[in-house]
Amino acid sequence: MGEPVNAYLVCGGRWHDFDYARLELLKLLGERPEIRTRVAEDFSDLQALEEADFLLTYTCDLYHDDQPGPVHVKSGRLISMPY
């Protein structure tokens, strides 16, 4: 097993049952023993987001803006793209 990798999974929103998606994503992440995953329903835990090595999201209607916008991340770039 390699160095631990901190994942942050945001899975939630409105109008949808996210339990199935959350379970399937966790199963896939669980195939990699070095990945340590924290799970949240929204983006409110800013400290956890900053501590994560990568962010995986499955959401619906968590951003209430109709324009693309930058999201602060530890490294690299992330843009919120509304549909």
C-alpha atoms as a PDB file:
ATOM      1  CA  MET A   1       0.000   0.000   0.000  1.00  0.00           C
ATOM      2  CA  GLY A   2       1.267   3.474  -0.892  1.00  0.00           C
ATOM      3  CA  GLU A   3       1.007   6.730   1.005  1.00  0.00           C
ATOM      4  CA  PRO A   4      -2.516   7.554   2.236  1.00  0.00           C
ATOM      5  CA  VAL A   5      -4.569   9.692  -0.140  1.00  0.00           C
ATOM      6  CA  ASN A   6      -7.265  11.887   1.413  1.00  0.00           C
ATOM      7  CA  ALA A   7     -10.454  11.956  -0.635  1.00  0.00           C
ATOM      8  CA  TYR A   8     -13.455  14.147   0.043  1.00  0.00           C
ATOM      9  CA  LEU A   9     -16.756  12.942  -1.418  1.00  0.00           C
ATOM     10  CA  VAL A  10     -19.630  15.413  -1.603  1.00  0.00           C
ATOM     11  CA  CYS A  11     -22.819  13.562  -2.454  1.00  0.00           C
ATOM     12  CA  GLY A  12     -26.117  15.309  -1.898  1.00  0.00           C
ATOM     13  CA  GLY A  13     -28.680  17.838  -2.974  1.00  0.00           C
ATOM     14  CA  ARG A  14     -32.394  18.106  -3.570  1.00  0.00           C
ATOM     15  CA  TRP A  15     -34.941  16.112  -5.593  1.00  0.00           C
ATOM     16  CA  HIS A  16     -32.953  12.910  -5.582  1.00  0.00           C
ATOM     17  CA  ASP A  17     -32.126   9.940  -3.333  1.00  0.00           C
ATOM     18  CA  PHE A  18     -28.335   9.977  -3.179  1.00  0.00           C
ATOM     19  CA  ASP A  19     -27.869   6.808  -1.105  1.00  0.00           C
ATOM     20  CA  TYR A  20     -27.343   4.535  -4.107  1.00  0.00           C
ATOM     21  CA  ALA A  21     -24.831   6.866  -5.775  1.00  0.00           C
ATOM     22  CA  ARG A  22     -22.962   7.402  -2.475  1.00  0.00           C
ATOM     23  CA  LEU A  23     -22.716   3.647  -1.855  1.00  0.00           C
ATOM     24  CA  GLU A  24     -21.491   2.884  -5.373  1.00  0.00           C
ATOM     25  CA  LEU A  25     -18.854   5.627  -5.246  1.00  0.00           C
ATOM     26  CA  LEU A  26     -17.635   4.408  -1.853  1.00  0.00           C
ATOM     27  CA  LYS A  27     -17.394   0.846  -3.187  1.00  0.00           C
ATOM     28  CA  LEU A  28     -15.170   2.050  -6.020  1.00  0.00           C
ATOM     29  CA  LEU A  29     -13.019   4.159  -3.710  1.00  0.00           C
ATOM     30  CA  GLY A  30     -12.771   1.175  -1.348  1.00  0.00           C
ATOM     31  CA  GLU A  31     -11.009  -0.836  -4.064  1.00  0.00           C
ATOM     32  CA  ARG A  32      -7.948   1.360  -3.456  1.00  0.00           C
ATOM     33  CA  PRO A  33      -6.733   0.695   0.115  1.00  0.00           C
ATOM     34  CA  GLU A  34      -4.588   3.844   0.187  1.00  0.00           C
ATOM     35  CA  ILE A  35      -7.632   6.110  -0.267  1.00  0.00           C
ATOM     36  CA  ARG A  36      -9.154   7.480   2.933  1.00  0.00           C
ATOM     37  CA  THR A  37     -12.561   9.017   2.213  1.00  0.00           C
ATOM     38  CA  ARG A  38     -14.553  11.613   4.120  1.00  0.00           C
ATOM     39  CA  VAL A  39     -18.190  12.066   3.056  1.00  0.00           C
ATOM     40  CA  ALA A  40     -20.407  15.149   3.196  1.00  0.00           C
ATOM     41  CA  GLU A  41     -23.763  16.267   1.808  1.00  0.00           C
ATOM     42  CA  ASP A  42     -22.557  19.754   0.835  1.00  0.00           C
ATOM     43  CA  PHE A  43     -19.488  21.988   0.575  1.00  0.00           C
ATOM     44  CA  SER A  44     -19.809  23.663   3.994  1.00  0.00           C
ATOM     45  CA  ASP A  45     -16.775  22.038   5.691  1.00  0.00           C
ATOM     46  CA  LEU A  46     -14.090  24.280   4.204  1.00  0.00           C
ATOM     47  CA  GLN A  47     -11.307  22.843   6.368  1.00  0.00           C
ATOM     48  CA  ALA A  48     -12.019  19.303   5.152  1.00  0.00           C
ATOM     49  CA  LEU A  49     -12.057  20.533   1.555  1.00  0.00           C
ATOM     50  CA  GLU A  50      -8.660  22.176   1.987  1.00  0.00           C
ATOM     51  CA  GLU A  51      -7.177  19.053   3.622  1.00  0.00           C
ATOM     52  CA  ALA A  52      -8.323  16.745   0.810  1.00  0.00           C
ATOM     53  CA  ASP A  53      -5.925  15.544  -1.858  1.00  0.00           C
ATOM     54  CA  PHE A  54      -8.849  15.270  -4.263  1.00  0.00           C
ATOM     55  CA  LEU A  55     -12.532  16.089  -4.415  1.00  0.00           C
ATOM     56  CA  LEU A  56     -15.212  13.839  -5.910  1.00  0.00           C
ATOM     57  CA  THR A  57     -18.734  15.220  -6.252  1.00  0.00           C
ATOM     58  CA  TYR A  58     -22.154  13.867  -7.157  1.00  0.00           C
ATOM     59  CA  THR A  59     -24.586  16.679  -6.479  1.00  0.00           C
ATOM     60  CA  CYS A  60     -27.798  18.341  -7.574  1.00  0.00           C
ATOM     61  CA  ASP A  61     -28.686  21.982  -6.929  1.00  0.00           C
ATOM     62  CA  LEU A  62     -26.040  22.751  -4.282  1.00  0.00           C
ATOM     63  CA  TYR A  63     -24.851  25.943  -5.969  1.00  0.00           C
ATOM     64  CA  HIS A  64     -27.569  28.515  -6.477  1.00  0.00           C
ATOM     65  CA  ASP A  65     -25.763  30.555  -9.102  1.00  0.00           C
ATOM     66  CA  ASP A  66     -26.333  30.289 -12.829  1.00  0.00           C
ATOM     67  CA  GLN A  67     -22.813  31.448 -13.749  1.00  0.00           C
ATOM     68  CA  PRO A  68     -19.568  29.423 -13.700  1.00  0.00           C
ATOM     69  CA  GLY A  69     -17.284  30.389 -10.849  1.00  0.00           C
ATOM     70  CA  PRO A  70     -13.959  29.382  -9.287  1.00  0.00           C
ATOM     71  CA  VAL A  71     -13.842  27.131  -6.220  1.00  0.00           C
ATOM     72  CA  HIS A  72     -10.869  27.483  -3.855  1.00  0.00           C
ATOM     73  CA  VAL A  73      -8.769  24.291  -3.810  1.00  0.00           C
ATOM     74  CA  LYS A  74      -5.394  23.345  -2.289  1.00  0.00           C
ATOM     75  CA  SER A  75      -3.738  22.977  -5.684  1.00  0.00           C
ATOM     76  CA  GLY A  76      -4.813  23.172  -9.292  1.00  0.00           C
ATOM     77  CA  ARG A  77      -8.058  24.717 -10.505  1.00  0.00           C
ATOM     78  CA  LEU A  78     -11.703  23.840  -9.974  1.00  0.00           C
ATOM     79  CA  ILE A  79     -14.613  25.616 -11.617  1.00  0.00           C
ATOM     80  CA  SER A  80     -18.240  25.225 -10.571  1.00  0.00           C
ATOM     81  CA  MET A  81     -20.213  24.682 -13.784  1.00  0.00           C
ATOM     82  CA  PRO A  82     -23.998  24.921 -13.380  1.00  0.00           C
ATOM     83  CA  TYR A  83     -26.043  22.981 -15.878  1.00  0.00           C
END
